[in-house]
Amino acid sequence: MPRTVEQERRVDGPRDHGEEICHIVTEEDPDTALCGKDVTGWPWNPPWPYCVVCLDLMQGRAGA
């Protein structure tokens, strides 16, 4: 029977390359992206592609 090794779980920042997305936050709540994702501890303004949900929500706010 194979033995599993418990890995240390990260509590902040991207957990894999698929999560490396630049989310947009507001000054009122810099730890929560417009899309609702908790981005506490994530790098500020990373060189990753923007979250399309955050972009849509930001454009909706600008047009309101």
PDB file of N, CA and C in Angstrom:
ATOM      1  N   MET A   1       0.844  -1.166   0.000  1.00  0.00           N
ATOM      2  CA  MET A   1       0.000   0.000   0.000  1.00  0.00           C
ATOM      3  C   MET A   1       0.898   1.241   0.000  1.00  0.00           C
ATOM      4  N   PRO A   2       0.700   2.149  -0.991  1.00  0.00           N
ATOM      5  CA  PRO A   2       1.554   3.337  -1.051  1.00  0.00           C
ATOM      6  C   PRO A   2       1.272   4.287   0.110  1.00  0.00           C
ATOM      7  N   ARG A   3       2.319   4.915   0.539  1.00  0.00           N
ATOM      8  CA  ARG A   3       2.186   5.855   1.646  1.00  0.00           C
ATOM      9  C   ARG A   3       2.140   7.269   1.070  1.00  0.00           C
ATOM     10  N   THR A   4       1.187   8.056   1.503  1.00  0.00           N
ATOM     11  CA  THR A   4       1.090   9.427   1.013  1.00  0.00           C
ATOM     12  C   THR A   4       1.886  10.354   1.913  1.00  0.00           C
ATOM     13  N   VAL A   5       2.476  11.334   1.289  1.00  0.00           N
ATOM     14  CA  VAL A   5       3.246  12.323   2.030  1.00  0.00           C
ATOM     15  C   VAL A   5       2.445  13.609   2.033  1.00  0.00           C
ATOM     16  N   GLU A   6       2.171  14.101   3.214  1.00  0.00           N
ATOM     17  CA  GLU A   6       1.395  15.326   3.316  1.00  0.00           C
ATOM     18  C   GLU A   6       2.267  16.514   2.917  1.00  0.00           C
ATOM     19  N   GLN A   7       1.777  17.298   1.936  1.00  0.00           N
ATOM     20  CA  GLN A   7       2.515  18.462   1.493  1.00  0.00           C
ATOM     21  C   GLN A   7       2.068  19.685   2.279  1.00  0.00           C
ATOM     22  N   GLU A   8       3.001  20.607   2.451  1.00  0.00           N
ATOM     23  CA  GLU A   8       2.673  21.857   3.110  1.00  0.00           C
ATOM     24  C   GLU A   8       1.722  22.639   2.218  1.00  0.00           C
ATOM     25  N   ARG A   9       0.652  23.156   2.790  1.00  0.00           N
ATOM     26  CA  ARG A   9      -0.346  23.876   2.019  1.00  0.00           C
ATOM     27  C   ARG A   9      -0.098  25.375   2.118  1.00  0.00           C
ATOM     28  N   ARG A  10      -0.028  26.006   0.964  1.00  0.00           N
ATOM     29  CA  ARG A  10       0.142  27.460   0.940  1.00  0.00           C
ATOM     30  C   ARG A  10      -1.187  28.114   1.271  1.00  0.00           C
ATOM     31  N   VAL A  11      -1.119  29.168   2.038  1.00  0.00           N
ATOM     32  CA  VAL A  11      -2.353  29.858   2.392  1.00  0.00           C
ATOM     33  C   VAL A  11      -2.495  31.187   1.666  1.00  0.00           C
ATOM     34  N   ASP A  12      -1.474  31.607   0.932  1.00  0.00           N
ATOM     35  CA  ASP A  12      -1.588  32.839   0.180  1.00  0.00           C
ATOM     36  C   ASP A  12      -0.864  32.712  -1.148  1.00  0.00           C
ATOM     37  N   GLY A  13      -1.260  33.529  -2.083  1.00  0.00           N
ATOM     38  CA  GLY A  13      -0.638  33.521  -3.400  1.00  0.00           C
ATOM     39  C   GLY A  13      -1.111  32.365  -4.264  1.00  0.00           C
ATOM     40  N   PRO A  14      -0.719  32.371  -5.533  1.00  0.00           N
ATOM     41  CA  PRO A  14      -1.128  31.306  -6.453  1.00  0.00           C
ATOM     42  C   PRO A  14      -0.597  29.950  -6.010  1.00  0.00           C
ATOM     43  N   ARG A  15      -1.405  28.941  -6.148  1.00  0.00           N
ATOM     44  CA  ARG A  15      -0.993  27.583  -5.772  1.00  0.00           C
ATOM     45  C   ARG A  15      -0.407  26.828  -6.956  1.00  0.00           C
ATOM     46  N   ASP A  16      -0.718  27.261  -8.181  1.00  0.00           N
ATOM     47  CA  ASP A  16      -0.146  26.646  -9.371  1.00  0.00           C
ATOM     48  C   ASP A  16      -0.110  27.679 -10.497  1.00  0.00           C
ATOM     49  N   HIS A  17       0.510  27.323 -11.630  1.00  0.00           N
ATOM     50  CA  HIS A  17       0.661  28.276 -12.731  1.00  0.00           C
ATOM     51  C   HIS A  17      -0.676  28.712 -13.304  1.00  0.00           C
ATOM     52  N   GLY A  18      -1.695  27.896 -13.219  1.00  0.00           N
ATOM     53  CA  GLY A  18      -3.021  28.257 -13.722  1.00  0.00           C
ATOM     54  C   GLY A  18      -3.671  29.385 -12.941  1.00  0.00           C
ATOM     55  N   GLU A  19      -3.199  29.641 -11.733  1.00  0.00           N
ATOM     56  CA  GLU A  19      -3.748  30.716 -10.921  1.00  0.00           C
ATOM     57  C   GLU A  19      -2.957  32.009 -11.054  1.00  0.00           C
ATOM     58  N   GLU A  20      -1.934  32.025 -11.881  1.00  0.00           N
ATOM     59  CA  GLU A  20      -1.132  33.232 -12.042  1.00  0.00           C
ATOM     60  C   GLU A  20      -1.859  34.201 -12.959  1.00  0.00           C
ATOM     61  N   ILE A  21      -2.836  34.888 -12.371  1.00  0.00           N
ATOM     62  CA  ILE A  21      -3.660  35.856 -13.070  1.00  0.00           C
ATOM     63  C   ILE A  21      -3.614  37.153 -12.267  1.00  0.00           C
ATOM     64  N   CYS A  22      -3.481  38.278 -12.965  1.00  0.00           N
ATOM     65  CA  CYS A  22      -3.437  39.576 -12.304  1.00  0.00           C
ATOM     66  C   CYS A  22      -4.872  40.032 -12.030  1.00  0.00           C
ATOM     67  N   HIS A  23      -5.256  40.020 -10.771  1.00  0.00           N
ATOM     68  CA  HIS A  23      -6.592  40.451 -10.383  1.00  0.00           C
ATOM     69  C   HIS A  23      -6.586  41.943 -10.086  1.00  0.00           C
ATOM     70  N   ILE A  24      -7.736  42.564 -10.212  1.00  0.00           N
ATOM     71  CA  ILE A  24      -7.877  44.000  -9.967  1.00  0.00           C
ATOM     72  C   ILE A  24      -8.583  44.191  -8.635  1.00  0.00           C
ATOM     73  N   VAL A  25      -8.019  45.068  -7.807  1.00  0.00           N
ATOM     74  CA  VAL A  25      -8.582  45.344  -6.485  1.00  0.00           C
ATOM     75  C   VAL A  25      -8.919  46.829  -6.373  1.00  0.00           C
ATOM     76  N   THR A  26      -9.632  47.190  -5.319  1.00  0.00           N
ATOM     77  CA  THR A  26      -9.939  48.588  -5.043  1.00  0.00           C
ATOM     78  C   THR A  26      -9.157  49.039  -3.821  1.00  0.00           C
ATOM     79  N   GLU A  27      -9.049  50.341  -3.653  1.00  0.00           N
ATOM     80  CA  GLU A  27      -8.356  50.871  -2.472  1.00  0.00           C
ATOM     81  C   GLU A  27      -9.122  50.540  -1.194  1.00  0.00           C
ATOM     82  N   GLU A  28     -10.451  50.423  -1.295  1.00  0.00           N
ATOM     83  CA  GLU A  28     -11.265  50.121  -0.121  1.00  0.00           C
ATOM     84  C   GLU A  28     -11.023  48.714   0.410  1.00  0.00           C
ATOM     85  N   ASP A  29     -10.708  47.764  -0.490  1.00  0.00           N
ATOM     86  CA  ASP A  29     -10.481  46.372  -0.080  1.00  0.00           C
ATOM     87  C   ASP A  29      -9.374  45.761  -0.935  1.00  0.00           C
ATOM     88  N   PRO A  30      -8.107  46.080  -0.633  1.00  0.00           N
ATOM     89  CA  PRO A  30      -7.005  45.598  -1.470  1.00  0.00           C
ATOM     90  C   PRO A  30      -6.717  44.102  -1.359  1.00  0.00           C
ATOM     91  N   ASP A  31      -7.400  43.393  -0.461  1.00  0.00           N
ATOM     92  CA  ASP A  31      -7.181  41.954  -0.314  1.00  0.00           C
ATOM     93  C   ASP A  31      -8.230  41.123  -1.032  1.00  0.00           C
ATOM     94  N   THR A  32      -9.212  41.785  -1.662  1.00  0.00           N
ATOM     95  CA  THR A  32     -10.263  41.067  -2.386  1.00  0.00           C
ATOM     96  C   THR A  32     -10.361  41.631  -3.796  1.00  0.00           C
ATOM     97  N   ALA A  33     -10.218  40.753  -4.789  1.00  0.00           N
ATOM     98  CA  ALA A  33     -10.314  41.179  -6.181  1.00  0.00           C
ATOM     99  C   ALA A  33     -11.764  41.504  -6.525  1.00  0.00           C
ATOM    100  N   LEU A  34     -11.957  42.256  -7.601  1.00  0.00           N
ATOM    101  CA  LEU A  34     -13.307  42.603  -8.044  1.00  0.00           C
ATOM    102  C   LEU A  34     -14.144  41.354  -8.298  1.00  0.00           C
ATOM    103  N   CYS A  35     -13.496  40.278  -8.736  1.00  0.00           N
ATOM    104  CA  CYS A  35     -14.209  39.026  -9.019  1.00  0.00           C
ATOM    105  C   CYS A  35     -14.549  38.250  -7.748  1.00  0.00           C
ATOM    106  N   GLY A  36     -14.059  38.736  -6.593  1.00  0.00           N
ATOM    107  CA  GLY A  36     -14.358  38.078  -5.326  1.00  0.00           C
ATOM    108  C   GLY A  36     -13.251  37.188  -4.793  1.00  0.00           C
ATOM    109  N   LYS A  37     -12.190  36.991  -5.564  1.00  0.00           N
ATOM    110  CA  LYS A  37     -11.084  36.127  -5.125  1.00  0.00           C
ATOM    111  C   LYS A  37     -10.288  36.805  -4.018  1.00  0.00           C
ATOM    112  N   ASP A  38      -9.936  36.039  -2.984  1.00  0.00           N
ATOM    113  CA  ASP A  38      -9.088  36.534  -1.913  1.00  0.00           C
ATOM    114  C   ASP A  38      -7.654  36.562  -2.425  1.00  0.00           C
ATOM    115  N   VAL A  39      -7.068  37.753  -2.509  1.00  0.00           N
ATOM    116  CA  VAL A  39      -5.712  37.897  -3.024  1.00  0.00           C
ATOM    117  C   VAL A  39      -4.746  38.383  -1.933  1.00  0.00           C
ATOM    118  N   THR A  40      -5.074  38.102  -0.694  1.00  0.00           N
ATOM    119  CA  THR A  40      -4.212  38.463   0.424  1.00  0.00           C
ATOM    120  C   THR A  40      -2.841  37.820   0.250  1.00  0.00           C
ATOM    121  N   GLY A  41      -1.791  38.624   0.306  1.00  0.00           N
ATOM    122  CA  GLY A  41      -0.440  38.099   0.198  1.00  0.00           C
ATOM    123  C   GLY A  41       0.054  37.892  -1.222  1.00  0.00           C
ATOM    124  N   TRP A  42      -0.780  38.123  -2.227  1.00  0.00           N
ATOM    125  CA  TRP A  42      -0.345  37.959  -3.610  1.00  0.00           C
ATOM    126  C   TRP A  42       0.515  39.145  -4.001  1.00  0.00           C
ATOM    127  N   PRO A  43       1.407  38.986  -4.967  1.00  0.00           N
ATOM    128  CA  PRO A  43       2.227  40.112  -5.405  1.00  0.00           C
ATOM    129  C   PRO A  43       1.356  41.214  -6.003  1.00  0.00           C
ATOM    130  N   TRP A  44       1.775  42.449  -5.808  1.00  0.00           N
ATOM    131  CA  TRP A  44       1.029  43.571  -6.344  1.00  0.00           C
ATOM    132  C   TRP A  44       1.467  43.823  -7.773  1.00  0.00           C
ATOM    133  N   ASN A  45       0.518  43.950  -8.676  1.00  0.00           N
ATOM    134  CA  ASN A  45       0.760  44.250 -10.084  1.00  0.00           C
ATOM    135  C   ASN A  45       1.738  43.269 -10.736  1.00  0.00           C
ATOM    136  N   PRO A  46       1.447  41.965 -10.683  1.00  0.00           N
ATOM    137  CA  PRO A  46       2.351  40.983 -11.290  1.00  0.00           C
ATOM    138  C   PRO A  46       2.273  41.030 -12.819  1.00  0.00           C
ATOM    139  N   PRO A  47       3.263  40.484 -13.510  1.00  0.00           N
ATOM    140  CA  PRO A  47       3.288  40.507 -14.986  1.00  0.00           C
ATOM    141  C   PRO A  47       2.486  39.362 -15.598  1.00  0.00           C
ATOM    142  N   TRP A  48       1.323  39.080 -15.061  1.00  0.00           N
ATOM    143  CA  TRP A  48       0.485  37.990 -15.551  1.00  0.00           C
ATOM    144  C   TRP A  48      -0.685  38.564 -16.340  1.00  0.00           C
ATOM    145  N   PRO A  49      -1.376  37.738 -17.119  1.00  0.00           N
ATOM    146  CA  PRO A  49      -2.563  38.217 -17.830  1.00  0.00           C
ATOM    147  C   PRO A  49      -3.655  38.620 -16.829  1.00  0.00           C
ATOM    148  N   TYR A  50      -4.448  39.617 -17.212  1.00  0.00           N
ATOM    149  CA  TYR A  50      -5.525  40.085 -16.328  1.00  0.00           C
ATOM    150  C   TYR A  50      -6.663  39.078 -16.254  1.00  0.00           C
ATOM    151  N   CYS A  51      -7.306  39.056 -15.109  1.00  0.00           N
ATOM    152  CA  CYS A  51      -8.515  38.252 -14.901  1.00  0.00           C
ATOM    153  C   CYS A  51      -9.630  38.880 -15.730  1.00  0.00           C
ATOM    154  N   VAL A  52     -10.251  38.109 -16.608  1.00  0.00           N
ATOM    155  CA  VAL A  52     -11.281  38.661 -17.487  1.00  0.00           C
ATOM    156  C   VAL A  52     -12.525  39.084 -16.712  1.00  0.00           C
ATOM    157  N   VAL A  53     -12.820  38.413 -15.614  1.00  0.00           N
ATOM    158  CA  VAL A  53     -13.974  38.785 -14.790  1.00  0.00           C
ATOM    159  C   VAL A  53     -13.720  40.137 -14.131  1.00  0.00           C
ATOM    160  N   CYS A  54     -12.518  40.329 -13.581  1.00  0.00           N
ATOM    161  CA  CYS A  54     -12.170  41.621 -12.984  1.00  0.00           C
ATOM    162  C   CYS A  54     -12.252  42.731 -14.030  1.00  0.00           C
ATOM    163  N   LEU A  55     -11.730  42.473 -15.242  1.00  0.00           N
ATOM    164  CA  LEU A  55     -11.776  43.478 -16.302  1.00  0.00           C
ATOM    165  C   LEU A  55     -13.207  43.845 -16.662  1.00  0.00           C
ATOM    166  N   ASP A  56     -14.070  42.847 -16.813  1.00  0.00           N
ATOM    167  CA  ASP A  56     -15.478  43.108 -17.133  1.00  0.00           C
ATOM    168  C   ASP A  56     -16.142  43.934 -16.039  1.00  0.00           C
ATOM    169  N   LEU A  57     -15.875  43.581 -14.784  1.00  0.00           N
ATOM    170  CA  LEU A  57     -16.476  44.317 -13.677  1.00  0.00           C
ATOM    171  C   LEU A  57     -15.930  45.734 -13.599  1.00  0.00           C
ATOM    172  N   MET A  58     -14.647  45.924 -13.875  1.00  0.00           N
ATOM    173  CA  MET A  58     -14.061  47.254 -13.850  1.00  0.00           C
ATOM    174  C   MET A  58     -14.667  48.127 -14.967  1.00  0.00           C
ATOM    175  N   GLN A  59     -14.823  47.552 -16.157  1.00  0.00           N
ATOM    176  CA  GLN A  59     -15.413  48.301 -17.263  1.00  0.00           C
ATOM    177  C   GLN A  59     -16.872  48.646 -16.976  1.00  0.00           C
ATOM    178  N   GLY A  60     -17.573  47.754 -16.276  1.00  0.00           N
ATOM    179  CA  GLY A  60     -18.950  48.019 -15.897  1.00  0.00           C
ATOM    180  C   GLY A  60     -19.048  49.173 -14.897  1.00  0.00           C
ATOM    181  N   ARG A  61     -18.071  49.262 -13.996  1.00  0.00           N
ATOM    182  CA  ARG A  61     -18.046  50.364 -13.023  1.00  0.00           C
ATOM    183  C   ARG A  61     -17.734  51.686 -13.709  1.00  0.00           C
ATOM    184  N   ALA A  62     -16.840  51.631 -14.701  1.00  0.00           N
ATOM    185  CA  ALA A  62     -16.439  52.853 -15.384  1.00  0.00           C
ATOM    186  C   ALA A  62     -17.591  53.404 -16.231  1.00  0.00           C
ATOM    187  N   GLY A  63     -18.428  52.507 -16.739  1.00  0.00           N
ATOM    188  CA  GLY A  63     -19.547  52.941 -17.575  1.00  0.00           C
ATOM    189  C   GLY A  63     -20.761  53.355 -16.775  1.00  0.00           C
ATOM    190  N   ALA A  64     -20.753  53.117 -15.467  1.00  0.00           N
ATOM    191  CA  ALA A  64     -21.922  53.424 -14.636  1.00  0.00           C
ATOM    192  C   ALA A  64     -21.961  54.875 -14.218  1.00  0.00           C
TER     193      ALA A  64
END
